[in-house]
C-alpha atoms as a PDB file:
ATOM      1  CA  UNK A   1      73.223 -39.785-193.970  1.00  0.00           C
ATOM      2  CA  UNK A   2      69.615 -40.725-194.598  1.00  0.00           C
ATOM      3  CA  UNK A   3      69.770 -43.993-196.530  1.00  0.00           C
ATOM      4  CA  UNK A   4      67.083 -44.429-199.177  1.00  0.00           C
ATOM      5  CA  UNK A   5      65.763 -47.890-199.918  1.00  0.00           C
ATOM      6  CA  UNK A   6      66.810 -49.013-203.375  1.00  0.00           C
ATOM      7  CA  UNK A   7      63.974 -51.011-205.004  1.00  0.00           C
ATOM      8  CA  UNK A   8      66.543 -53.355-206.534  1.00  0.00           C
ATOM      9  CA  UNK A   9      67.754 -54.198-203.042  1.00  0.00           C
ATOM     10  CA  UNK A  10      64.311 -54.318-201.469  1.00  0.00           C
ATOM     11  CA  UNK A  11      63.063 -56.799-204.067  1.00  0.00           C
ATOM     12  CA  UNK A  12      66.166 -58.958-204.180  1.00  0.00           C
ATOM     13  CA  UNK A  13      65.686 -62.086-202.019  1.00  0.00           C
ATOM     14  CA  UNK A  14      69.408 -62.783-201.914  1.00  0.00           C
ATOM     15  CA  UNK A  15      70.321 -59.431-200.390  1.00  0.00           C
ATOM     16  CA  UNK A  16      71.276 -59.089-196.727  1.00  0.00           C
ATOM     17  CA  UNK A  17      68.018 -58.406-194.873  1.00  0.00           C
ATOM     18  CA  UNK A  18      69.024 -58.963-191.304  1.00  0.00           C
ATOM     19  CA  UNK A  19      69.030 -56.218-188.673  1.00  0.00           C
ATOM     20  CA  UNK A  20      71.844 -53.661-188.697  1.00  0.00           C
ATOM     21  CA  UNK A  21      73.695 -55.322-191.564  1.00  0.00           C
ATOM     22  CA  UNK A  22      70.661 -54.757-193.806  1.00  0.00           C
ATOM     23  CA  UNK A  23      70.681 -51.039-193.016  1.00  0.00           C
ATOM     24  CA  UNK A  24      74.380 -50.599-193.737  1.00  0.00           C
ATOM     25  CA  UNK A  25      74.212 -52.727-196.875  1.00  0.00           C
ATOM     26  CA  UNK A  26      71.684 -50.217-198.176  1.00  0.00           C
ATOM     27  CA  UNK A  27      74.107 -47.448-197.246  1.00  0.00           C
ATOM     28  CA  UNK A  28      76.911 -49.187-199.145  1.00  0.00           C
ATOM     29  CA  UNK A  29      74.791 -49.516-202.276  1.00  0.00           C
ATOM     30  CA  UNK A  30      73.514 -45.934-201.949  1.00  0.00           C
ATOM     31  CA  UNK A  31      77.072 -44.571-201.931  1.00  0.00           C
ATOM     32  CA  UNK A  32      78.085 -46.667-204.946  1.00  0.00           C
ATOM     33  CA  UNK A  33      74.990 -45.384-206.744  1.00  0.00           C
ATOM     34  CA  UNK A  34      75.956 -41.805-205.893  1.00  0.00           C
ATOM     35  CA  UNK A  35      79.469 -42.323-207.287  1.00  0.00           C
ATOM     36  CA  UNK A  36      78.027 -43.774-210.489  1.00  0.00           C
ATOM     37  CA  UNK A  37      75.544 -40.903-210.762  1.00  0.00           C
ATOM     38  CA  UNK A  38      78.372 -38.369-210.558  1.00  0.00           C
ATOM     39  CA  UNK A  39      80.408 -40.204-213.193  1.00  0.00           C
ATOM     40  CA  UNK A  40      77.540 -40.700-215.613  1.00  0.00           C
ATOM     41  CA  UNK A  41      76.831 -36.991-216.053  1.00  0.00           C
ATOM     42  CA  UNK A  42      76.964 -35.642-219.581  1.00  0.00           C
ATOM     43  CA  UNK A  43      80.051 -33.653-218.655  1.00  0.00           C
ATOM     44  CA  UNK A  44      82.209 -34.959-215.826  1.00  0.00           C
ATOM     45  CA  UNK A  45      83.676 -31.986-213.929  1.00  0.00           C
ATOM     46  CA  UNK A  46      86.267 -31.537-211.197  1.00  0.00           C
ATOM     47  CA  UNK A  47      83.414 -31.288-208.716  1.00  0.00           C
ATOM     48  CA  UNK A  48      81.716 -34.467-209.898  1.00  0.00           C
ATOM     49  CA  UNK A  49      85.022 -36.353-209.659  1.00  0.00           C
ATOM     50  CA  UNK A  50      85.468 -35.001-206.128  1.00  0.00           C
ATOM     51  CA  UNK A  51      81.914 -36.025-205.192  1.00  0.00           C
ATOM     52  CA  UNK A  52      82.424 -39.481-206.699  1.00  0.00           C
ATOM     53  CA  UNK A  53      85.625 -40.004-204.703  1.00  0.00           C
ATOM     54  CA  UNK A  54      83.861 -38.952-201.506  1.00  0.00           C
ATOM     55  CA  UNK A  55      81.041 -41.399-202.216  1.00  0.00           C
ATOM     56  CA  UNK A  56      83.543 -44.209-202.839  1.00  0.00           C
ATOM     57  CA  UNK A  57      85.261 -43.466-199.513  1.00  0.00           C
ATOM     58  CA  UNK A  58      81.899 -43.599-197.747  1.00  0.00           C
ATOM     59  CA  UNK A  59      81.144 -46.905-199.481  1.00  0.00           C
ATOM     60  CA  UNK A  60      84.440 -48.308-198.203  1.00  0.00           C
ATOM     61  CA  UNK A  61      83.545 -47.191-194.677  1.00  0.00           C
ATOM     62  CA  UNK A  62      80.182 -48.956-194.961  1.00  0.00           C
ATOM     63  CA  UNK A  63      81.969 -52.062-196.198  1.00  0.00           C
ATOM     64  CA  UNK A  64      84.244 -51.943-193.159  1.00  0.00           C
ATOM     65  CA  UNK A  65      81.196 -51.923-190.886  1.00  0.00           C
ATOM     66  CA  UNK A  66      80.011 -55.042-192.717  1.00  0.00           C
ATOM     67  CA  UNK A  67      83.385 -56.789-192.685  1.00  0.00           C
ATOM     68  CA  UNK A  68      82.461 -59.353-190.018  1.00  0.00           C
ATOM     69  CA  UNK A  69      79.066 -59.859-191.614  1.00  0.00           C
ATOM     70  CA  UNK A  70      80.068 -60.479-195.220  1.00  0.00           C
ATOM     71  CA  UNK A  71      83.216 -62.481-194.467  1.00  0.00           C
ATOM     72  CA  UNK A  72      86.899 -61.740-194.986  1.00  0.00           C
ATOM     73  CA  UNK A  73      87.156 -62.969-198.572  1.00  0.00           C
ATOM     74  CA  UNK A  74      84.195 -60.883-199.728  1.00  0.00           C
ATOM     75  CA  UNK A  75      85.450 -57.871-197.805  1.00  0.00           C
ATOM     76  CA  UNK A  76      88.945 -58.014-199.291  1.00  0.00           C
ATOM     77  CA  UNK A  77      87.667 -58.495-202.839  1.00  0.00           C
ATOM     78  CA  UNK A  78      85.133 -55.652-202.719  1.00  0.00           C
ATOM     79  CA  UNK A  79      87.449 -53.313-200.817  1.00  0.00           C
ATOM     80  CA  UNK A  80      90.076 -53.808-203.521  1.00  0.00           C
ATOM     81  CA  UNK A  81      87.477 -53.082-206.211  1.00  0.00           C
ATOM     82  CA  UNK A  82      86.381 -49.856-204.522  1.00  0.00           C
ATOM     83  CA  UNK A  83      89.997 -48.863-203.874  1.00  0.00           C
ATOM     84  CA  UNK A  84      90.893 -49.363-207.542  1.00  0.00           C
ATOM     85  CA  UNK A  85      87.820 -47.386-208.618  1.00  0.00           C
ATOM     86  CA  UNK A  86      88.961 -44.491-206.445  1.00  0.00           C
ATOM     87  CA  UNK A  87      92.466 -44.669-207.871  1.00  0.00           C
ATOM     88  CA  UNK A  88      91.061 -44.178-211.377  1.00  0.00           C
ATOM     89  CA  UNK A  89      90.085 -40.673-210.262  1.00  0.00           C
ATOM     90  CA  UNK A  90      93.159 -39.868-208.168  1.00  0.00           C
ATOM     91  CA  UNK A  91      95.334 -38.144-210.753  1.00  0.00           C
ATOM     92  CA  UNK A  92      92.766 -35.482-211.622  1.00  0.00           C
ATOM     93  CA  UNK A  93      91.632 -35.022-208.038  1.00  0.00           C
ATOM     94  CA  UNK A  94      95.200 -34.656-206.736  1.00  0.00           C
ATOM     95  CA  UNK A  95      95.954 -31.938-209.292  1.00  0.00           C
ATOM     96  CA  UNK A  96      92.825 -30.050-208.224  1.00  0.00           C
ATOM     97  CA  UNK A  97      93.778 -30.453-204.551  1.00  0.00           C
ATOM     98  CA  UNK A  98      97.159 -28.843-205.222  1.00  0.00           C
ATOM     99  CA  UNK A  99      95.536 -25.801-206.815  1.00  0.00           C
ATOM    100  CA  UNK A 100      93.040 -25.442-203.971  1.00  0.00           C
ATOM    101  CA  UNK A 101      95.698 -25.964-201.294  1.00  0.00           C
ATOM    102  CA  UNK A 102      98.017 -23.309-202.694  1.00  0.00           C
ATOM    103  CA  UNK A 103      95.168 -20.841-203.141  1.00  0.00           C
ATOM    104  CA  UNK A 104      94.092 -21.403-199.520  1.00  0.00           C
ATOM    105  CA  UNK A 105      97.675 -21.063-198.284  1.00  0.00           C
ATOM    106  CA  UNK A 106      98.091 -17.761-200.110  1.00  0.00           C
ATOM    107  CA  UNK A 107      94.907 -16.504-198.478  1.00  0.00           C
ATOM    108  CA  UNK A 108      96.453 -17.286-195.086  1.00  0.00           C
ATOM    109  CA  UNK A 109      99.548 -15.235-195.964  1.00  0.00           C
ATOM    110  CA  UNK A 110      98.370 -12.479-198.363  1.00  0.00           C
ATOM    111  CA  UNK A 111     101.197 -10.068-197.544  1.00  0.00           C
ATOM    112  CA  UNK A 112     104.009 -12.566-198.036  1.00  0.00           C
ATOM    113  CA  UNK A 113     102.614 -14.504-201.009  1.00  0.00           C
ATOM    114  CA  UNK A 114     101.243 -11.853-203.340  1.00  0.00           C
ATOM    115  CA  UNK A 115     104.259 -11.336-205.611  1.00  0.00           C
ATOM    116  CA  UNK A 116     104.499 -12.334-209.259  1.00  0.00           C
ATOM    117  CA  UNK A 117     106.700 -15.289-208.290  1.00  0.00           C
ATOM    118  CA  UNK A 118     103.873 -16.842-206.325  1.00  0.00           C
ATOM    119  CA  UNK A 119     101.342 -16.082-209.034  1.00  0.00           C
ATOM    120  CA  UNK A 120     103.635 -17.927-211.453  1.00  0.00           C
ATOM    121  CA  UNK A 121     103.573 -20.922-209.103  1.00  0.00           C
ATOM    122  CA  UNK A 122      99.780 -20.819-208.995  1.00  0.00           C
ATOM    123  CA  UNK A 123      99.647 -20.669-212.792  1.00  0.00           C
ATOM    124  CA  UNK A 124     101.988 -23.642-213.006  1.00  0.00           C
ATOM    125  CA  UNK A 125      99.680 -25.692-210.765  1.00  0.00           C
ATOM    126  CA  UNK A 126      96.644 -24.656-212.803  1.00  0.00           C
ATOM    127  CA  UNK A 127      98.428 -25.693-215.994  1.00  0.00           C
ATOM    128  CA  UNK A 128      99.072 -29.119-214.497  1.00  0.00           C
ATOM    129  CA  UNK A 129      95.399 -29.377-213.537  1.00  0.00           C
ATOM    130  CA  UNK A 130      94.339 -28.409-217.053  1.00  0.00           C
ATOM    131  CA  UNK A 131      96.607 -31.090-218.535  1.00  0.00           C
ATOM    132  CA  UNK A 132      95.251 -33.735-216.160  1.00  0.00           C
ATOM    133  CA  UNK A 133      91.683 -32.679-216.903  1.00  0.00           C
ATOM    134  CA  UNK A 134      92.256 -32.965-220.659  1.00  0.00           C
ATOM    135  CA  UNK A 135      93.964 -36.328-220.233  1.00  0.00           C
ATOM    136  CA  UNK A 136      91.067 -37.623-218.119  1.00  0.00           C
ATOM    137  CA  UNK A 137      88.347 -36.403-220.480  1.00  0.00           C
ATOM    138  CA  UNK A 138      90.143 -37.437-223.662  1.00  0.00           C
ATOM    139  CA  UNK A 139      91.055 -40.896-222.358  1.00  0.00           C
ATOM    140  CA  UNK A 140      87.679 -42.575-221.807  1.00  0.00           C
ATOM    141  CA  UNK A 141      89.276 -45.843-220.711  1.00  0.00           C
ATOM    142  CA  UNK A 142      89.987 -44.556-217.191  1.00  0.00           C
ATOM    143  CA  UNK A 143      86.463 -43.312-216.599  1.00  0.00           C
ATOM    144  CA  UNK A 144      84.986 -46.444-218.152  1.00  0.00           C
ATOM    145  CA  UNK A 145      87.164 -48.669-215.965  1.00  0.00           C
ATOM    146  CA  UNK A 146      86.022 -46.797-212.863  1.00  0.00           C
ATOM    147  CA  UNK A 147      82.350 -47.214-213.755  1.00  0.00           C
ATOM    148  CA  UNK A 148      82.840 -50.899-214.512  1.00  0.00           C
ATOM    149  CA  UNK A 149      84.542 -51.531-211.174  1.00  0.00           C
ATOM    150  CA  UNK A 150      81.731 -49.783-209.306  1.00  0.00           C
ATOM    151  CA  UNK A 151      78.941 -51.500-211.233  1.00  0.00           C
ATOM    152  CA  UNK A 152      80.489 -54.947-210.795  1.00  0.00           C
ATOM    153  CA  UNK A 153      80.983 -54.354-207.073  1.00  0.00           C
ATOM    154  CA  UNK A 154      77.369 -53.229-206.745  1.00  0.00           C
ATOM    155  CA  UNK A 155      76.098 -56.339-208.520  1.00  0.00           C
ATOM    156  CA  UNK A 156      78.125 -58.659-206.300  1.00  0.00           C
ATOM    157  CA  UNK A 157      76.955 -56.945-203.110  1.00  0.00           C
ATOM    158  CA  UNK A 158      73.355 -57.420-204.246  1.00  0.00           C
ATOM    159  CA  UNK A 159      73.960 -61.139-204.571  1.00  0.00           C
ATOM    160  CA  UNK A 160      75.295 -61.690-201.057  1.00  0.00           C
ATOM    161  CA  UNK A 161      73.450 -64.598-199.488  1.00  0.00           C
ATOM    162  CA  UNK A 162      71.656 -64.065-196.189  1.00  0.00           C
ATOM    163  CA  UNK A 163      73.213 -65.424-193.038  1.00  0.00           C
ATOM    164  CA  UNK A 164      73.537 -64.694-189.339  1.00  0.00           C
ATOM    165  CA  UNK A 165      74.180 -61.005-189.783  1.00  0.00           C
ATOM    166  CA  UNK A 166      73.270 -59.267-186.537  1.00  0.00           C
ATOM    167  CA  UNK A 167      73.974 -55.842-185.090  1.00  0.00           C
ATOM    168  CA  UNK A 168      76.904 -57.393-183.238  1.00  0.00           C
ATOM    169  CA  UNK A 169      78.731 -57.799-186.558  1.00  0.00           C
ATOM    170  CA  UNK A 170      78.443 -54.060-187.205  1.00  0.00           C
ATOM    171  CA  UNK A 171      79.590 -53.471-183.641  1.00  0.00           C
ATOM    172  CA  UNK A 172      82.707 -55.564-184.401  1.00  0.00           C
ATOM    173  CA  UNK A 173      83.301 -53.631-187.622  1.00  0.00           C
ATOM    174  CA  UNK A 174      83.211 -50.326-185.758  1.00  0.00           C
ATOM    175  CA  UNK A 175      85.643 -51.644-183.160  1.00  0.00           C
ATOM    176  CA  UNK A 176      88.046 -52.698-185.909  1.00  0.00           C
ATOM    177  CA  UNK A 177      87.827 -49.264-187.594  1.00  0.00           C
ATOM    178  CA  UNK A 178      88.585 -47.505-184.310  1.00  0.00           C
ATOM    179  CA  UNK A 179      91.459 -49.875-183.498  1.00  0.00           C
ATOM    180  CA  UNK A 180      93.027 -49.256-186.920  1.00  0.00           C
ATOM    181  CA  UNK A 181      92.851 -45.524-186.246  1.00  0.00           C
ATOM    182  CA  UNK A 182      94.583 -45.931-182.886  1.00  0.00           C
ATOM    183  CA  UNK A 183      97.375 -47.916-184.511  1.00  0.00           C
ATOM    184  CA  UNK A 184      97.740 -45.362-187.311  1.00  0.00           C
ATOM    185  CA  UNK A 185      97.913 -42.544-184.734  1.00  0.00           C
ATOM    186  CA  UNK A 186     100.703 -44.332-182.854  1.00  0.00           C
ATOM    187  CA  UNK A 187     102.592 -44.955-186.109  1.00  0.00           C
ATOM    188  CA  UNK A 188     102.219 -41.311-187.171  1.00  0.00           C
ATOM    189  CA  UNK A 189     103.526 -40.041-183.830  1.00  0.00           C
ATOM    190  CA  UNK A 190     106.476 -42.426-183.988  1.00  0.00           C
ATOM    191  CA  UNK A 191     107.449 -41.874-187.636  1.00  0.00           C
ATOM    192  CA  UNK A 192     106.218 -38.324-188.227  1.00  0.00           C
ATOM    193  CA  UNK A 193     106.467 -38.825-191.984  1.00  0.00           C
ATOM    194  CA  UNK A 194     103.930 -37.510-194.521  1.00  0.00           C
ATOM    195  CA  UNK A 195     103.182 -41.111-195.462  1.00  0.00           C
ATOM    196  CA  UNK A 196     102.373 -42.132-191.886  1.00  0.00           C
ATOM    197  CA  UNK A 197     100.265 -39.023-191.342  1.00  0.00           C
ATOM    198  CA  UNK A 198      98.388 -39.659-194.584  1.00  0.00           C
ATOM    199  CA  UNK A 199      97.643 -43.236-193.517  1.00  0.00           C
ATOM    200  CA  UNK A 200      96.312 -41.929-190.216  1.00  0.00           C
ATOM    201  CA  UNK A 201      94.133 -39.463-192.118  1.00  0.00           C
ATOM    202  CA  UNK A 202      92.624 -42.304-194.167  1.00  0.00           C
ATOM    203  CA  UNK A 203      91.758 -44.212-190.994  1.00  0.00           C
ATOM    204  CA  UNK A 204      90.226 -41.075-189.450  1.00  0.00           C
ATOM    205  CA  UNK A 205      88.085 -40.635-192.565  1.00  0.00           C
ATOM    206  CA  UNK A 206      86.854 -44.220-192.280  1.00  0.00           C
ATOM    207  CA  UNK A 207      85.829 -43.537-188.691  1.00  0.00           C
ATOM    208  CA  UNK A 208      84.142 -40.246-189.590  1.00  0.00           C
ATOM    209  CA  UNK A 209      82.181 -41.873-192.404  1.00  0.00           C
ATOM    210  CA  UNK A 210      81.238 -44.838-190.215  1.00  0.00           C
ATOM    211  CA  UNK A 211      79.898 -42.484-187.529  1.00  0.00           C
ATOM    212  CA  UNK A 212      77.929 -40.687-190.215  1.00  0.00           C
ATOM    213  CA  UNK A 213      76.364 -43.982-191.282  1.00  0.00           C
ATOM    214  CA  UNK A 214      75.578 -44.811-187.649  1.00  0.00           C
ATOM    215  CA  UNK A 215      73.764 -41.465-187.380  1.00  0.00           C
ATOM    216  CA  UNK A 216      74.829 -40.551-183.826  1.00  0.00           C
ATOM    217  CA  UNK A 217      73.920 -36.868-183.957  1.00  0.00           C
ATOM    218  CA  UNK A 218      71.199 -37.292-181.313  1.00  0.00           C
ATOM    219  CA  UNK A 219      73.218 -39.600-179.059  1.00  0.00           C
ATOM    220  CA  UNK A 220      74.388 -37.591-176.044  1.00  0.00           C
ATOM    221  CA  UNK A 221      77.019 -40.192-175.164  1.00  0.00           C
ATOM    222  CA  UNK A 222      78.766 -39.459-178.449  1.00  0.00           C
ATOM    223  CA  UNK A 223      78.335 -35.670-178.362  1.00  0.00           C
ATOM    224  CA  UNK A 224      81.224 -34.032-180.170  1.00  0.00           C
ATOM    225  CA  UNK A 225      82.850 -37.233-181.419  1.00  0.00           C
ATOM    226  CA  UNK A 226      81.582 -36.951-184.984  1.00  0.00           C
ATOM    227  CA  UNK A 227      82.512 -33.236-185.143  1.00  0.00           C
ATOM    228  CA  UNK A 228      85.959 -33.995-183.752  1.00  0.00           C
ATOM    229  CA  UNK A 229      86.653 -36.704-186.322  1.00  0.00           C
ATOM    230  CA  UNK A 230      85.583 -34.388-189.143  1.00  0.00           C
ATOM    231  CA  UNK A 231      87.780 -31.605-187.802  1.00  0.00           C
ATOM    232  CA  UNK A 232      90.721 -33.978-187.415  1.00  0.00           C
ATOM    233  CA  UNK A 233      90.310 -35.314-190.950  1.00  0.00           C
ATOM    234  CA  UNK A 234      90.337 -31.738-192.273  1.00  0.00           C
ATOM    235  CA  UNK A 235      93.539 -30.919-190.365  1.00  0.00           C
ATOM    236  CA  UNK A 236      95.293 -34.013-191.665  1.00  0.00           C
ATOM    237  CA  UNK A 237      93.983 -33.360-195.161  1.00  0.00           C
ATOM    238  CA  UNK A 238      95.456 -29.864-195.173  1.00  0.00           C
ATOM    239  CA  UNK A 239      98.724 -31.230-193.786  1.00  0.00           C
ATOM    240  CA  UNK A 240      98.889 -33.835-196.566  1.00  0.00           C
ATOM    241  CA  UNK A 241      98.176 -31.304-199.312  1.00  0.00           C
ATOM    242  CA  UNK A 242     100.828 -28.932-197.959  1.00  0.00           C
ATOM    243  CA  UNK A 243     103.354 -31.777-197.800  1.00  0.00           C
ATOM    244  CA  UNK A 244     102.620 -32.530-201.455  1.00  0.00           C
ATOM    245  CA  UNK A 245     102.968 -28.839-202.329  1.00  0.00           C
ATOM    246  CA  UNK A 246     106.363 -28.640-200.631  1.00  0.00           C
ATOM    247  CA  UNK A 247     107.505 -31.751-202.474  1.00  0.00           C
ATOM    248  CA  UNK A 248     106.306 -30.271-205.750  1.00  0.00           C
ATOM    249  CA  UNK A 249     108.120 -26.973-205.234  1.00  0.00           C
ATOM    250  CA  UNK A 250     111.282 -28.601-203.873  1.00  0.00           C
ATOM    251  CA  UNK A 251     111.529 -30.589-207.086  1.00  0.00           C
ATOM    252  CA  UNK A 252     111.103 -27.462-209.190  1.00  0.00           C
ATOM    253  CA  UNK A 253     114.169 -25.431-208.266  1.00  0.00           C
ATOM    254  CA  UNK A 254     113.975 -23.009-211.205  1.00  0.00           C
ATOM    255  CA  UNK A 255     110.664 -21.719-209.840  1.00  0.00           C
ATOM    256  CA  UNK A 256     111.460 -21.304-206.162  1.00  0.00           C
ATOM    257  CA  UNK A 257     115.002 -20.043-206.730  1.00  0.00           C
ATOM    258  CA  UNK A 258     113.626 -16.898-208.352  1.00  0.00           C
ATOM    259  CA  UNK A 259     112.478 -15.753-204.890  1.00  0.00           C
ATOM    260  CA  UNK A 260     114.207 -15.892-201.514  1.00  0.00           C
ATOM    261  CA  UNK A 261     115.546 -19.460-201.304  1.00  0.00           C
ATOM    262  CA  UNK A 262     113.197 -21.973-199.700  1.00  0.00           C
ATOM    263  CA  UNK A 263     111.117 -19.311-197.936  1.00  0.00           C
ATOM    264  CA  UNK A 264     107.858 -20.796-199.184  1.00  0.00           C
ATOM    265  CA  UNK A 265     108.824 -24.297-198.085  1.00  0.00           C
ATOM    266  CA  UNK A 266     109.786 -22.960-194.658  1.00  0.00           C
ATOM    267  CA  UNK A 267     106.404 -21.277-194.354  1.00  0.00           C
ATOM    268  CA  UNK A 268     104.717 -24.537-195.313  1.00  0.00           C
ATOM    269  CA  UNK A 269     106.772 -26.429-192.739  1.00  0.00           C
ATOM    270  CA  UNK A 270     105.701 -24.012-189.991  1.00  0.00           C
ATOM    271  CA  UNK A 271     102.061 -24.396-190.941  1.00  0.00           C
ATOM    272  CA  UNK A 272     102.373 -28.176-191.013  1.00  0.00           C
ATOM    273  CA  UNK A 273     104.031 -28.244-187.609  1.00  0.00           C
ATOM    274  CA  UNK A 274     101.123 -26.297-186.141  1.00  0.00           C
ATOM    275  CA  UNK A 275      98.555 -28.517-187.851  1.00  0.00           C
ATOM    276  CA  UNK A 276     100.249 -31.684-186.631  1.00  0.00           C
ATOM    277  CA  UNK A 277     100.502 -30.390-183.057  1.00  0.00           C
ATOM    278  CA  UNK A 278      96.768 -29.672-183.025  1.00  0.00           C
ATOM    279  CA  UNK A 279      95.967 -32.945-184.800  1.00  0.00           C
ATOM    280  CA  UNK A 280      97.829 -35.052-182.261  1.00  0.00           C
ATOM    281  CA  UNK A 281      96.093 -33.216-179.406  1.00  0.00           C
ATOM    282  CA  UNK A 282      92.668 -33.815-180.943  1.00  0.00           C
ATOM    283  CA  UNK A 283      93.597 -37.367-181.860  1.00  0.00           C
ATOM    284  CA  UNK A 284      94.394 -38.082-178.206  1.00  0.00           C
ATOM    285  CA  UNK A 285      90.839 -37.030-177.319  1.00  0.00           C
ATOM    286  CA  UNK A 286      89.239 -39.180-179.999  1.00  0.00           C
ATOM    287  CA  UNK A 287      91.448 -42.240-179.615  1.00  0.00           C
ATOM    288  CA  UNK A 288      91.964 -42.047-175.876  1.00  0.00           C
ATOM    289  CA  UNK A 289      90.069 -45.204-174.914  1.00  0.00           C
ATOM    290  CA  UNK A 290      90.232 -48.886-175.675  1.00  0.00           C
ATOM    291  CA  UNK A 291      88.652 -49.992-178.931  1.00  0.00           C
ATOM    292  CA  UNK A 292      86.103 -52.227-177.220  1.00  0.00           C
ATOM    293  CA  UNK A 293      85.073 -49.424-174.861  1.00  0.00           C
ATOM    294  CA  UNK A 294      84.593 -47.010-177.747  1.00  0.00           C
ATOM    295  CA  UNK A 295      82.469 -49.460-179.726  1.00  0.00           C
ATOM    296  CA  UNK A 296      80.485 -50.408-176.607  1.00  0.00           C
ATOM    297  CA  UNK A 297      79.110 -46.876-176.467  1.00  0.00           C
ATOM    298  CA  UNK A 298      77.135 -47.761-179.587  1.00  0.00           C
ATOM    299  CA  UNK A 299      75.673 -50.971-178.182  1.00  0.00           C
ATOM    300  CA  UNK A 300      72.345 -49.427-177.284  1.00  0.00           C
ATOM    301  CA  UNK A 301      72.043 -47.529-180.546  1.00  0.00           C
ATOM    302  CA  UNK A 302      72.798 -50.621-182.580  1.00  0.00           C
ATOM    303  CA  UNK A 303      70.346 -52.570-180.488  1.00  0.00           C
ATOM    304  CA  UNK A 304      67.560 -50.304-181.703  1.00  0.00           C
ATOM    305  CA  UNK A 305      68.000 -51.591-185.247  1.00  0.00           C
ATOM    306  CA  UNK A 306      68.359 -55.297-184.540  1.00  0.00           C
ATOM    307  CA  UNK A 307      64.974 -56.132-185.847  1.00  0.00           C
END
């Protein structure tokens, strides 16, 4: 991501201005600004909510890179604020994800999933989305709360006092992000539950967004790593959405019992098994080294922005 200099940051003497931390602080503010821009449109759409959530996730990744720099108390407070802002948008976004996931799954199996029973399921998911959309648009408190959380977080970040914030602090933040992903991978392999896999996905997304902020596309030592993390996040995202679909249909017996019993859920389980097999194989490639060794590969790149 090409980070644009915000005049409010550039002219604020209290803002972090030191080396790498200055660059990533700008990235953090830029992502918060993008989320606010999406939520301040005259008509907030499914797409703008999706874009706002993506921007919030990128802001949280930037904050993780700055964790050592800004201090633990600041990190925890602002991470909670960004997390809560994202949760304001979750209900609508999750309903849209279910519609998209089922549509994509039907495209994978057009012969098996073209009957009226499956179209009824799709209509049921769209009805849920419509209800969530109306609830979101007709209940301004949720949207207002999200904007307030983002704006307050932005203001506090702007007021951070300068200190000894060197590239090494970003280096430490990257190491922590990678280590959390390794731990989440181990937990997902051990437990194999949708919850553990979803937690691993979140950690993979933090790594993918951090690599995007680090802008490693021209770094031969990291060739493929950013593409792999994006691919892995997509696999785990599809797995999570399918798990939610199966849970939805399993709890709606009157719908699935009108067709051959549990056939859809069995198809979903087969797809998830394949996704998880591929995800664990790719995860072993990405997380196959020690955290310090992974982060050390960025030492030279971070050194270029120390001053």
